[in-house]
């Protein structure tokens, strides 16, 4: 590790911090958040349907969290 330049070590540490902060233990929630944001952005910007986007955001977020909890509870039962 010491043979790498300081800049590369700092860059790697910075990238690892953000990976751990954003993805953490549940990468499926990170992917779900990206999909939700993209869906709401498409609804709002592309099709100009803000009312559907306002409803879709909490519905999709609750669905993603419910699926994550269901997956975690199944994993602990095994």
N, C-alpha and C. Protein backbone atom coordinates (compact mmCIF):
# COMPACT_ATOMS: atom_id res chain seq x y z
N UNK A 1 0.82 -1.19 0.00
CA UNK A 1 0.00 0.00 0.00
C UNK A 1 0.86 1.26 0.00
N UNK A 2 2.03 1.17 0.62
CA UNK A 2 2.90 2.34 0.71
C UNK A 2 3.55 2.68 -0.63
N UNK A 3 3.59 1.73 -1.56
CA UNK A 3 4.25 2.01 -2.82
C UNK A 3 3.40 2.86 -3.76
N UNK A 4 2.14 3.03 -3.45
CA UNK A 4 1.27 3.88 -4.27
C UNK A 4 1.50 5.35 -3.92
N UNK A 5 1.34 6.22 -4.90
CA UNK A 5 1.46 7.65 -4.60
C UNK A 5 0.35 8.12 -3.66
N UNK A 6 0.63 9.18 -2.95
CA UNK A 6 -0.32 9.71 -1.97
C UNK A 6 -1.64 10.06 -2.63
N UNK A 7 -1.60 10.65 -3.81
CA UNK A 7 -2.83 11.04 -4.49
C UNK A 7 -3.73 9.84 -4.75
N UNK A 8 -3.17 8.73 -5.20
CA UNK A 8 -3.96 7.54 -5.47
C UNK A 8 -4.54 6.93 -4.19
N UNK A 9 -3.77 6.97 -3.11
CA UNK A 9 -4.29 6.47 -1.82
C UNK A 9 -5.44 7.33 -1.33
N UNK A 10 -5.30 8.65 -1.48
CA UNK A 10 -6.38 9.54 -1.07
C UNK A 10 -7.62 9.37 -1.95
N UNK A 11 -7.40 9.22 -3.24
CA UNK A 11 -8.51 9.01 -4.16
C UNK A 11 -9.24 7.71 -3.86
N UNK A 12 -8.50 6.65 -3.60
CA UNK A 12 -9.11 5.36 -3.26
C UNK A 12 -9.88 5.45 -1.95
N UNK A 13 -9.31 6.11 -0.96
CA UNK A 13 -10.00 6.29 0.31
C UNK A 13 -11.28 7.09 0.15
N UNK A 14 -11.25 8.12 -0.66
CA UNK A 14 -12.43 8.93 -0.92
C UNK A 14 -13.51 8.11 -1.61
N UNK A 15 -13.10 7.33 -2.61
CA UNK A 15 -14.06 6.48 -3.33
C UNK A 15 -14.64 5.41 -2.42
N UNK A 16 -13.84 4.81 -1.58
CA UNK A 16 -14.32 3.78 -0.66
C UNK A 16 -15.30 4.36 0.36
N UNK A 17 -15.03 5.59 0.82
CA UNK A 17 -15.96 6.24 1.74
C UNK A 17 -17.33 6.40 1.09
N UNK A 18 -17.36 6.94 -0.14
CA UNK A 18 -18.64 7.16 -0.80
C UNK A 18 -19.34 5.86 -1.13
N UNK A 19 -18.59 4.84 -1.52
CA UNK A 19 -19.19 3.53 -1.78
C UNK A 19 -19.86 3.00 -0.51
N UNK A 20 -19.14 3.06 0.61
CA UNK A 20 -19.70 2.56 1.87
C UNK A 20 -20.87 3.42 2.33
N UNK A 21 -20.78 4.73 2.12
CA UNK A 21 -21.85 5.63 2.54
C UNK A 21 -23.10 5.44 1.71
N UNK A 22 -22.98 5.31 0.39
CA UNK A 22 -24.13 5.21 -0.49
C UNK A 22 -24.68 3.79 -0.60
N UNK A 23 -23.81 2.84 -0.75
CA UNK A 23 -24.25 1.46 -0.95
C UNK A 23 -24.38 0.73 0.37
N UNK A 24 -23.37 0.78 1.18
CA UNK A 24 -23.41 0.16 2.50
C UNK A 24 -23.66 -1.33 2.44
N UNK A 25 -24.55 -1.81 3.32
CA UNK A 25 -24.84 -3.23 3.42
C UNK A 25 -25.94 -3.69 2.48
N UNK A 26 -26.69 -2.76 1.92
CA UNK A 26 -27.83 -3.13 1.08
C UNK A 26 -27.74 -2.46 -0.29
N UNK A 27 -27.03 -3.07 -1.20
CA UNK A 27 -26.91 -2.47 -2.54
C UNK A 27 -28.23 -2.42 -3.28
N UNK A 28 -29.18 -3.30 -2.93
CA UNK A 28 -30.47 -3.27 -3.62
C UNK A 28 -31.23 -1.99 -3.32
N UNK A 29 -31.06 -1.43 -2.13
CA UNK A 29 -31.72 -0.16 -1.83
C UNK A 29 -31.08 1.00 -2.60
N UNK A 30 -29.79 0.93 -2.82
CA UNK A 30 -29.12 1.95 -3.62
C UNK A 30 -29.62 1.91 -5.06
N UNK A 31 -29.70 0.71 -5.61
CA UNK A 31 -30.20 0.55 -6.98
C UNK A 31 -31.66 0.98 -7.05
N UNK A 32 -32.45 0.60 -6.04
CA UNK A 32 -33.86 0.99 -6.02
C UNK A 32 -34.01 2.51 -5.97
N UNK A 33 -33.17 3.17 -5.20
CA UNK A 33 -33.23 4.64 -5.13
C UNK A 33 -32.91 5.26 -6.48
N UNK A 34 -31.92 4.72 -7.17
CA UNK A 34 -31.59 5.23 -8.50
C UNK A 34 -32.74 5.02 -9.48
N UNK A 35 -33.37 3.85 -9.42
CA UNK A 35 -34.51 3.56 -10.30
C UNK A 35 -35.69 4.47 -9.98
N UNK A 36 -35.95 4.70 -8.71
CA UNK A 36 -37.05 5.57 -8.30
C UNK A 36 -36.81 7.00 -8.78
N UNK A 37 -35.60 7.49 -8.58
CA UNK A 37 -35.28 8.85 -9.01
C UNK A 37 -35.41 8.98 -10.52
N UNK A 38 -34.91 7.98 -11.25
CA UNK A 38 -35.02 8.02 -12.71
C UNK A 38 -36.47 7.97 -13.17
N UNK A 39 -37.28 7.14 -12.52
CA UNK A 39 -38.68 7.02 -12.88
C UNK A 39 -39.43 8.33 -12.64
N UNK A 40 -39.22 8.92 -11.49
CA UNK A 40 -39.89 10.18 -11.18
C UNK A 40 -39.41 11.29 -12.11
N UNK A 41 -38.13 11.31 -12.42
CA UNK A 41 -37.61 12.32 -13.35
C UNK A 41 -38.21 12.15 -14.74
N UNK A 42 -38.31 10.91 -15.20
CA UNK A 42 -38.92 10.67 -16.51
C UNK A 42 -40.39 11.07 -16.53
N UNK A 43 -41.11 10.71 -15.48
CA UNK A 43 -42.52 11.08 -15.42
C UNK A 43 -42.69 12.59 -15.43
N UNK A 44 -41.85 13.27 -14.69
CA UNK A 44 -41.98 14.71 -14.54
C UNK A 44 -41.47 15.48 -15.76
N UNK A 45 -40.31 15.12 -16.25
CA UNK A 45 -39.69 15.89 -17.31
C UNK A 45 -40.11 15.45 -18.71
N UNK A 46 -40.14 14.18 -18.92
CA UNK A 46 -40.40 13.67 -20.27
C UNK A 46 -41.88 13.74 -20.63
N UNK A 47 -42.73 13.25 -19.71
CA UNK A 47 -44.16 13.20 -20.01
C UNK A 47 -44.96 14.30 -19.32
N UNK A 48 -44.29 15.15 -18.56
CA UNK A 48 -44.92 16.29 -17.88
C UNK A 48 -46.13 15.87 -17.06
N UNK A 49 -45.96 14.77 -16.36
CA UNK A 49 -47.05 14.24 -15.54
C UNK A 49 -46.64 14.31 -14.07
N UNK A 50 -46.66 15.53 -13.53
CA UNK A 50 -46.18 15.74 -12.16
C UNK A 50 -47.09 15.11 -11.12
N UNK A 51 -48.38 15.04 -11.37
CA UNK A 51 -49.29 14.44 -10.40
C UNK A 51 -48.97 12.96 -10.22
N UNK A 52 -48.70 12.27 -11.30
CA UNK A 52 -48.34 10.85 -11.20
C UNK A 52 -46.98 10.69 -10.54
N UNK A 53 -46.06 11.59 -10.82
CA UNK A 53 -44.73 11.53 -10.21
C UNK A 53 -44.80 11.72 -8.70
N UNK A 54 -45.67 12.63 -8.25
CA UNK A 54 -45.82 12.88 -6.82
C UNK A 54 -46.39 11.65 -6.12
N UNK A 55 -47.27 10.94 -6.76
CA UNK A 55 -47.85 9.73 -6.18
C UNK A 55 -46.88 8.56 -6.29
N UNK A 56 -46.16 8.49 -7.41
CA UNK A 56 -45.27 7.36 -7.65
C UNK A 56 -44.08 7.34 -6.70
N UNK A 57 -43.58 8.50 -6.32
CA UNK A 57 -42.39 8.55 -5.46
C UNK A 57 -42.59 7.81 -4.14
N UNK A 58 -43.58 8.15 -3.33
CA UNK A 58 -43.72 7.42 -2.07
C UNK A 58 -44.15 5.96 -2.26
N UNK A 59 -44.95 5.69 -3.29
CA UNK A 59 -45.38 4.31 -3.53
C UNK A 59 -44.17 3.45 -3.87
N UNK A 60 -43.32 3.92 -4.76
CA UNK A 60 -42.13 3.16 -5.13
C UNK A 60 -41.15 3.03 -3.97
N UNK A 61 -41.00 4.07 -3.17
CA UNK A 61 -40.10 4.02 -2.02
C UNK A 61 -40.59 3.01 -0.99
N UNK A 62 -41.88 3.02 -0.70
CA UNK A 62 -42.44 2.07 0.26
C UNK A 62 -42.31 0.64 -0.27
N UNK A 63 -42.54 0.45 -1.57
CA UNK A 63 -42.40 -0.88 -2.16
C UNK A 63 -40.95 -1.37 -2.07
N UNK A 64 -40.01 -0.50 -2.34
CA UNK A 64 -38.59 -0.90 -2.26
C UNK A 64 -38.21 -1.26 -0.83
N UNK A 65 -38.65 -0.48 0.12
CA UNK A 65 -38.34 -0.79 1.52
C UNK A 65 -39.01 -2.07 1.98
N UNK A 66 -40.25 -2.29 1.55
CA UNK A 66 -40.96 -3.52 1.91
C UNK A 66 -40.25 -4.75 1.33
N UNK A 67 -39.83 -4.65 0.09
CA UNK A 67 -39.11 -5.77 -0.51
C UNK A 67 -37.77 -6.03 0.19
N UNK A 68 -37.11 -4.97 0.60
CA UNK A 68 -35.84 -5.12 1.31
C UNK A 68 -36.05 -5.78 2.67
N UNK A 69 -37.08 -5.36 3.38
CA UNK A 69 -37.36 -5.97 4.68
C UNK A 69 -37.76 -7.43 4.52
N UNK A 70 -38.56 -7.71 3.51
CA UNK A 70 -38.97 -9.10 3.25
C UNK A 70 -37.76 -9.97 2.93
N UNK A 71 -36.86 -9.45 2.13
CA UNK A 71 -35.65 -10.20 1.78
C UNK A 71 -34.78 -10.43 3.02
N UNK A 72 -34.65 -9.43 3.86
CA UNK A 72 -33.84 -9.56 5.07
C UNK A 72 -34.46 -10.54 6.05
N UNK A 73 -35.77 -10.51 6.18
CA UNK A 73 -36.42 -11.43 7.11
C UNK A 73 -36.32 -12.86 6.63
N UNK A 74 -36.36 -13.07 5.34
CA UNK A 74 -36.16 -14.43 4.80
C UNK A 74 -34.73 -14.91 5.05
N UNK A 75 -33.79 -14.00 4.94
CA UNK A 75 -32.39 -14.37 5.14
C UNK A 75 -32.10 -14.75 6.59
N UNK A 76 -32.79 -14.11 7.53
CA UNK A 76 -32.56 -14.43 8.94
C UNK A 76 -33.25 -15.71 9.37
N UNK A 77 -34.29 -16.13 8.67
CA UNK A 77 -35.00 -17.37 9.01
C UNK A 77 -34.21 -18.60 8.62
N UNK A 78 -33.29 -18.46 7.68
CA UNK A 78 -32.52 -19.60 7.22
C UNK A 78 -31.40 -19.96 8.14
